[in-house]
Amino acid sequence: MASNNPAWPRYSSNRHFDNNYASVEPEEFHYRIRQPASGLRPGFHRSIQIGSGDQFREYGSLLRQPDPRRLDLRASLRDPLQQLQVRIYNQRSTLTVCLLADLTASMSFGGTGGKLRLLTEIAASIALSAFRTGDAFAFYAADTILRQELLIPPTRRSGLPWQIAGQLYHAAPAGNHARGMLAAVQRVPARTSLIFLVSDFHWPNDLLHEVLGRLSGHIVVPLVSWSAHEYVPAATFGLVAIRDLESGQRRLLLARPGLRARLTKAQHGRRSQLHRTFVSHGHEPVFFEGHYDPRQLTEYFLARG
């Protein structure tokens, strides 16, 4: 949603798209979560589901777990009830990976090489990484409403990265607020999932807190998509025409060193505010400013073990 603070204008260029969106080549990153996965299917992630895994859980009666391959004679001899004991393990399980994408008007900033291109690269990369890890992937996009035509329920189809790139090529960001994200959150599976929340987060604080609060049972990774010159114009001096993409308001500013300094300070302040908000909900954000590097996400998950 457009900010009421005049120090945070979002400078726009004419929106122009070409087939670069459809020709995105997704790049994989590697992720691992701390929490046990809750999926029933065998997979990559540590879980609390009993199965054929490598994480020892406990001893149990052969009658309860009839698997003589895991019979433990020493444990059986120690059992006061003289029952045959078997080793019980936790299996590794799958996880559902969801991407919640903001498609409000501000996400069209930058034209062909702007934030929509960045969103496309991120979405295709997450879909590819989930597929290669063996996890299900779901995609939900919203502006003022949930974008039903873009919805992809949890699936393991191999062609998802290119399907999403094609869908986003035809998607037109619109709307002056992102309350449709609340409807997108309702589509997230009830089981604990890995949620990537992609937006420029030009939202009012109450909406951001509400969305994060409704995702409290999940593993949330906020991905903040910003573009160069979104806050600070490229011109160092002279008249600059600006337009807020969500409110449609236009202004004429005189670019000068003092104004650039104030706008740069406002940008840093907004970044710090967003960081504090996410951390207060237990989530560390990742900022992408005009360029997507999958290694940044790999390092993010490695740092969190």
Protein backbone atom coordinates (compact mmCIF):
# COMPACT_ATOMS: atom_id res chain seq x y z
CA MET A 1 0.00 0.00 0.00
CA ALA A 2 1.23 3.48 -0.71
CA SER A 3 2.94 5.14 2.22
CA ASN A 4 1.50 8.34 3.64
CA ASN A 5 5.03 9.54 4.34
CA PRO A 6 6.10 11.94 1.57
CA ALA A 7 9.74 10.99 2.24
CA TRP A 8 9.05 7.55 0.73
CA PRO A 9 7.99 8.16 -2.88
CA ARG A 10 8.45 5.28 -5.28
CA TYR A 11 9.86 6.54 -8.54
CA SER A 12 8.43 4.90 -11.62
CA SER A 13 9.46 4.42 -15.20
CA ASN A 14 7.16 3.42 -18.03
CA ARG A 15 6.20 -0.23 -17.57
CA HIS A 16 7.43 -2.37 -20.43
CA PHE A 17 7.68 -6.14 -20.67
CA ASP A 18 9.28 -8.50 -23.15
CA ASN A 19 9.83 -12.21 -23.33
CA ASN A 20 12.76 -12.01 -20.90
CA TYR A 21 10.33 -13.08 -18.18
CA ALA A 22 9.39 -16.27 -20.00
CA SER A 23 13.05 -17.07 -20.72
CA VAL A 24 14.17 -16.99 -17.09
CA GLU A 25 16.65 -19.77 -16.33
CA PRO A 26 16.04 -20.80 -12.71
CA GLU A 27 18.98 -21.32 -10.38
CA GLU A 28 18.87 -23.73 -7.46
CA PHE A 29 19.71 -22.97 -3.84
CA HIS A 30 19.93 -25.39 -0.92
CA TYR A 31 17.79 -25.19 2.19
CA ARG A 32 17.56 -27.05 5.46
CA ILE A 33 15.23 -26.30 8.38
CA ARG A 34 15.81 -26.56 12.11
CA GLN A 35 12.33 -27.75 13.03
CA PRO A 36 11.27 -31.34 12.38
CA ALA A 37 9.23 -31.63 9.20
CA SER A 38 5.65 -32.80 9.59
CA GLY A 39 5.15 -34.49 6.21
CA LEU A 40 4.06 -38.12 6.15
CA ARG A 41 6.01 -39.00 2.99
CA PRO A 42 9.69 -39.98 3.25
CA GLY A 43 11.92 -37.13 2.17
CA PHE A 44 14.98 -35.03 2.91
CA HIS A 45 14.18 -33.30 6.21
CA ARG A 46 14.53 -34.48 9.78
CA SER A 47 11.13 -35.32 11.28
CA ILE A 48 9.35 -36.98 14.19
CA GLN A 49 7.59 -39.55 12.02
CA ILE A 50 8.48 -43.16 12.79
CA GLY A 51 9.99 -44.90 9.78
CA SER A 52 13.10 -46.11 8.02
CA GLY A 53 15.41 -43.27 8.90
CA ASP A 54 18.82 -42.88 10.53
CA GLN A 55 17.83 -40.91 13.65
CA PHE A 56 17.44 -43.22 16.65
CA ARG A 57 14.24 -42.52 18.58
CA GLU A 58 13.73 -45.22 21.22
CA TYR A 59 13.43 -48.92 21.89
CA GLY A 60 10.09 -50.62 21.51
CA SER A 61 8.48 -54.03 21.69
CA LEU A 62 8.75 -56.25 18.64
CA LEU A 63 4.99 -56.70 18.95
CA ARG A 64 4.48 -52.94 18.56
CA GLN A 65 7.05 -52.55 15.78
CA PRO A 66 7.23 -55.94 13.98
CA ASP A 67 10.56 -55.42 12.24
CA PRO A 68 12.97 -58.22 13.22
CA ARG A 69 15.76 -56.57 11.20
CA ARG A 70 16.09 -54.02 13.98
CA LEU A 71 16.07 -56.50 16.83
CA ASP A 72 18.48 -55.49 19.62
CA LEU A 73 19.52 -58.51 21.71
CA ARG A 74 21.25 -56.47 24.44
CA ALA A 75 18.21 -54.28 24.95
CA SER A 76 16.02 -57.39 24.98
CA LEU A 77 18.13 -59.04 27.71
CA ARG A 78 17.91 -55.86 29.82
CA ASP A 79 14.13 -55.60 29.51
CA PRO A 80 12.51 -56.46 32.88
CA LEU A 81 9.38 -57.71 31.08
CA GLN A 82 11.54 -60.03 28.97
CA GLN A 83 10.12 -58.74 25.70
CA LEU A 84 12.06 -58.64 22.48
CA GLN A 85 13.16 -55.06 21.84
CA VAL A 86 13.72 -53.40 18.46
CA ARG A 87 15.36 -50.10 17.62
CA ILE A 88 12.86 -47.46 16.43
CA TYR A 89 14.01 -44.63 14.18
CA ASN A 90 12.54 -41.39 12.89
CA GLN A 91 12.29 -41.16 9.13
CA ARG A 92 13.26 -38.16 7.07
CA SER A 93 10.14 -36.50 5.67
CA THR A 94 8.98 -34.10 3.00
CA LEU A 95 7.96 -30.50 3.50
CA THR A 96 5.56 -28.18 1.70
CA VAL A 97 7.24 -25.06 0.35
CA CYS A 98 4.92 -22.10 -0.32
CA LEU A 99 5.60 -18.82 -2.06
CA LEU A 100 3.31 -15.91 -1.23
CA ALA A 101 3.88 -13.14 -3.78
CA ASP A 102 2.80 -9.51 -3.61
CA LEU A 103 1.45 -8.28 -6.97
CA THR A 104 0.32 -4.80 -6.03
CA ALA A 105 1.08 -1.91 -8.39
CA SER A 106 4.37 -1.03 -6.70
CA MET A 107 5.77 -4.40 -7.81
CA SER A 108 5.74 -3.13 -11.42
CA PHE A 109 8.48 -0.62 -10.60
CA GLY A 110 11.47 -0.73 -12.91
CA GLY A 111 9.83 -2.08 -16.05
CA THR A 112 11.48 -5.02 -17.82
CA GLY A 113 14.43 -5.34 -15.44
CA GLY A 114 12.59 -4.30 -12.32
CA LYS A 115 10.86 -5.93 -9.39
CA LEU A 116 8.57 -8.19 -11.41
CA ARG A 117 11.62 -9.67 -13.14
CA LEU A 118 13.21 -10.14 -9.71
CA LEU A 119 10.05 -11.83 -8.41
CA THR A 120 10.05 -14.14 -11.45
CA GLU A 121 13.65 -15.19 -10.85
CA ILE A 122 12.99 -15.81 -7.15
CA ALA A 123 9.78 -17.77 -7.79
CA ALA A 124 11.35 -20.01 -10.45
CA SER A 125 14.39 -20.62 -8.23
CA ILE A 126 12.27 -21.63 -5.22
CA ALA A 127 10.13 -23.95 -7.36
CA LEU A 128 13.21 -25.64 -8.83
CA SER A 129 14.88 -26.00 -5.43
CA ALA A 130 11.75 -27.54 -3.89
CA PHE A 131 11.40 -30.00 -6.78
CA ARG A 132 15.03 -31.15 -6.57
CA THR A 133 14.72 -31.54 -2.79
CA GLY A 134 11.63 -33.70 -3.25
CA ASP A 135 9.24 -31.27 -1.58
CA ALA A 136 5.83 -30.07 -2.72
CA PHE A 137 5.60 -26.47 -3.93
CA ALA A 138 2.64 -24.08 -3.85
CA PHE A 139 2.28 -20.57 -5.26
CA TYR A 140 -0.18 -17.88 -4.15
CA ALA A 141 -0.21 -14.30 -5.42
CA ALA A 142 -2.36 -11.39 -4.30
CA ASP A 143 -2.93 -7.69 -4.63
CA THR A 144 -6.20 -6.31 -3.27
CA ILE A 145 -7.58 -9.84 -3.74
CA LEU A 146 -6.21 -13.34 -4.15
CA ARG A 147 -5.17 -13.80 -7.79
CA GLN A 148 -7.05 -17.02 -8.53
CA GLU A 149 -5.67 -17.33 -12.06
CA LEU A 150 -2.13 -17.64 -10.69
CA LEU A 151 -2.87 -20.07 -7.89
CA ILE A 152 -0.86 -23.32 -7.84
CA PRO A 153 -1.82 -25.75 -5.04
CA PRO A 154 0.90 -27.99 -3.54
CA THR A 155 2.41 -30.17 -6.28
CA ARG A 156 5.63 -31.90 -7.30
CA ARG A 157 5.43 -31.34 -11.05
CA SER A 158 8.81 -30.97 -12.73
CA GLY A 159 7.89 -28.09 -15.04
CA LEU A 160 6.80 -25.65 -12.34
CA PRO A 161 9.69 -23.16 -12.60
CA TRP A 162 8.90 -22.45 -16.26
CA GLN A 163 5.14 -22.48 -15.66
CA ILE A 164 5.50 -19.80 -12.98
CA ALA A 165 7.81 -17.71 -15.17
CA GLY A 166 5.20 -17.83 -17.95
CA GLN A 167 2.37 -16.92 -15.58
CA LEU A 168 4.23 -13.95 -14.17
CA TYR A 169 5.05 -12.76 -17.70
CA HIS A 170 1.31 -12.32 -18.26
CA ALA A 171 0.57 -11.07 -14.72
CA ALA A 172 -0.10 -7.35 -14.39
CA PRO A 173 0.62 -5.94 -10.91
CA ALA A 174 -2.31 -3.80 -9.83
CA GLY A 175 -4.09 -2.43 -6.81
CA ASN A 176 -3.23 0.16 -4.18
CA HIS A 177 -3.10 -2.21 -1.19
CA ALA A 178 -2.12 -5.79 -0.38
CA ARG A 179 -4.95 -6.99 1.83
CA GLY A 180 -5.44 -9.89 -0.57
CA MET A 181 -2.43 -11.43 1.16
CA LEU A 182 -4.73 -12.32 4.05
CA ALA A 183 -6.73 -14.54 1.68
CA ALA A 184 -3.48 -16.05 0.37
CA VAL A 185 -2.42 -16.92 3.92
CA GLN A 186 -5.66 -18.87 4.38
CA ARG A 187 -4.64 -21.17 1.49
CA VAL A 188 -1.40 -22.22 3.19
CA PRO A 189 -1.53 -25.87 4.41
CA ALA A 190 -2.25 -26.40 8.10
CA ARG A 191 0.89 -28.51 8.59
CA THR A 192 4.07 -26.60 9.32
CA SER A 193 5.41 -25.38 5.97
CA LEU A 194 8.32 -23.33 4.68
CA ILE A 195 6.84 -20.00 3.59
CA PHE A 196 8.67 -17.52 1.37
CA LEU A 197 6.95 -14.14 1.55
CA VAL A 198 8.05 -11.95 -1.39
CA SER A 199 7.14 -8.26 -1.54
CA ASP A 200 8.55 -4.77 -1.41
CA PHE A 201 6.54 -4.49 1.83
CA HIS A 202 5.20 -1.02 1.15
CA TRP A 203 2.41 -2.04 3.50
CA PRO A 204 0.92 -0.41 6.57
CA ASN A 205 2.37 -1.90 9.75
CA ASP A 206 -0.95 -3.32 10.95
CA LEU A 207 -1.31 -5.42 7.78
CA LEU A 208 2.27 -6.69 8.03
CA HIS A 209 1.77 -7.68 11.68
CA GLU A 210 -1.52 -9.40 10.84
CA VAL A 211 -0.03 -11.44 7.99
CA LEU A 212 2.97 -12.48 10.10
CA GLY A 213 0.71 -13.32 13.03
CA ARG A 214 -1.40 -15.67 10.90
CA LEU A 215 1.77 -17.43 9.73
CA SER A 216 3.06 -17.95 13.26
CA GLY A 217 2.94 -21.76 13.03
CA HIS A 218 5.16 -21.87 9.95
CA ILE A 219 8.79 -21.28 9.01
CA VAL A 220 8.67 -17.87 7.33
CA VAL A 221 11.41 -16.32 5.19
CA PRO A 222 10.58 -12.71 4.20
CA LEU A 223 12.25 -11.74 0.92
CA VAL A 224 12.27 -7.97 0.47
CA SER A 225 12.38 -6.94 -3.20
CA TRP A 226 13.61 -3.42 -3.82
CA SER A 227 14.99 -1.73 -6.94
CA ALA A 228 17.71 0.81 -7.43
CA HIS A 229 16.37 4.41 -7.44
CA GLU A 230 13.06 3.29 -5.89
CA TYR A 231 13.60 5.71 -3.03
CA VAL A 232 16.38 7.91 -4.41
CA PRO A 233 16.27 9.26 -8.01
CA ALA A 234 19.17 8.59 -10.35
CA ALA A 235 19.58 12.27 -11.21
CA THR A 236 21.99 14.16 -8.95
CA PHE A 237 20.56 17.57 -9.82
CA GLY A 238 17.60 18.87 -11.78
CA LEU A 239 13.85 18.47 -12.03
CA VAL A 240 12.56 14.91 -11.64
CA ALA A 241 8.98 13.80 -12.35
CA ILE A 242 7.87 11.09 -9.94
CA ARG A 243 4.73 8.99 -9.58
CA ASP A 244 3.56 6.77 -6.75
CA LEU A 245 2.59 3.54 -8.51
CA GLU A 246 -0.10 2.59 -6.00
CA SER A 247 -1.80 5.93 -5.37
CA GLY A 248 -1.19 7.33 -8.87
CA GLN A 249 -0.10 10.68 -7.42
CA ARG A 250 2.45 12.64 -9.42
CA ARG A 251 4.96 15.17 -8.16
CA LEU A 252 7.78 17.28 -9.55
CA LEU A 253 10.91 17.39 -7.39
CA LEU A 254 14.15 19.30 -7.66
CA ALA A 255 16.91 16.70 -7.20
CA ARG A 256 19.68 18.18 -5.09
CA PRO A 257 22.22 16.84 -2.59
CA GLY A 258 20.16 17.77 0.47
CA LEU A 259 17.03 16.00 -0.81
CA ARG A 260 19.01 12.92 -1.82
CA ALA A 261 20.49 12.74 1.67
CA ARG A 262 17.02 12.90 3.28
CA LEU A 263 15.62 10.25 0.92
CA THR A 264 18.60 7.97 1.54
CA LYS A 265 18.10 8.37 5.28
CA ALA A 266 14.39 7.54 4.88
CA GLN A 267 15.31 4.39 2.91
CA HIS A 268 17.69 3.23 5.62
CA GLY A 269 15.07 3.99 8.25
CA ARG A 270 12.44 1.93 6.42
CA ARG A 271 14.86 -0.97 6.09
CA SER A 272 15.61 -0.87 9.82
CA GLN A 273 11.89 -0.69 10.65
CA LEU A 274 11.10 -3.71 8.47
CA HIS A 275 13.96 -5.67 10.01
CA ARG A 276 12.71 -4.95 13.54
CA THR A 277 9.17 -5.97 12.61
CA PHE A 278 10.23 -9.29 11.10
CA VAL A 279 12.60 -10.11 13.95
CA SER A 280 9.86 -9.36 16.49
CA HIS A 281 7.90 -12.23 14.90
CA GLY A 282 10.95 -14.51 14.89
CA HIS A 283 11.87 -14.15 11.20
CA GLU A 284 15.11 -12.85 9.71
CA PRO A 285 14.49 -11.08 6.36
CA VAL A 286 16.60 -11.22 3.21
CA PHE A 287 16.91 -8.03 1.15
CA PHE A 288 17.35 -8.16 -2.63
CA GLU A 289 18.00 -4.80 -4.24
CA GLY A 290 17.69 -5.20 -8.00
CA HIS A 291 19.58 -8.48 -8.26
CA TYR A 292 18.81 -12.08 -7.26
CA ASP A 293 21.67 -14.33 -6.15
CA PRO A 294 20.61 -17.85 -5.06
CA ARG A 295 23.83 -18.19 -3.06
CA GLN A 296 22.42 -15.57 -0.71
CA LEU A 297 19.58 -17.94 0.22
CA THR A 298 21.90 -20.94 0.56
CA GLU A 299 24.04 -18.94 2.99
CA TYR A 300 20.89 -17.81 4.82
CA PHE A 301 19.87 -21.42 5.58
CA LEU A 302 23.41 -22.56 6.35
CA ALA A 303 23.69 -19.81 8.96
CA ARG A 304 20.54 -21.12 10.64
CA GLY A 305 21.63 -24.74 10.65
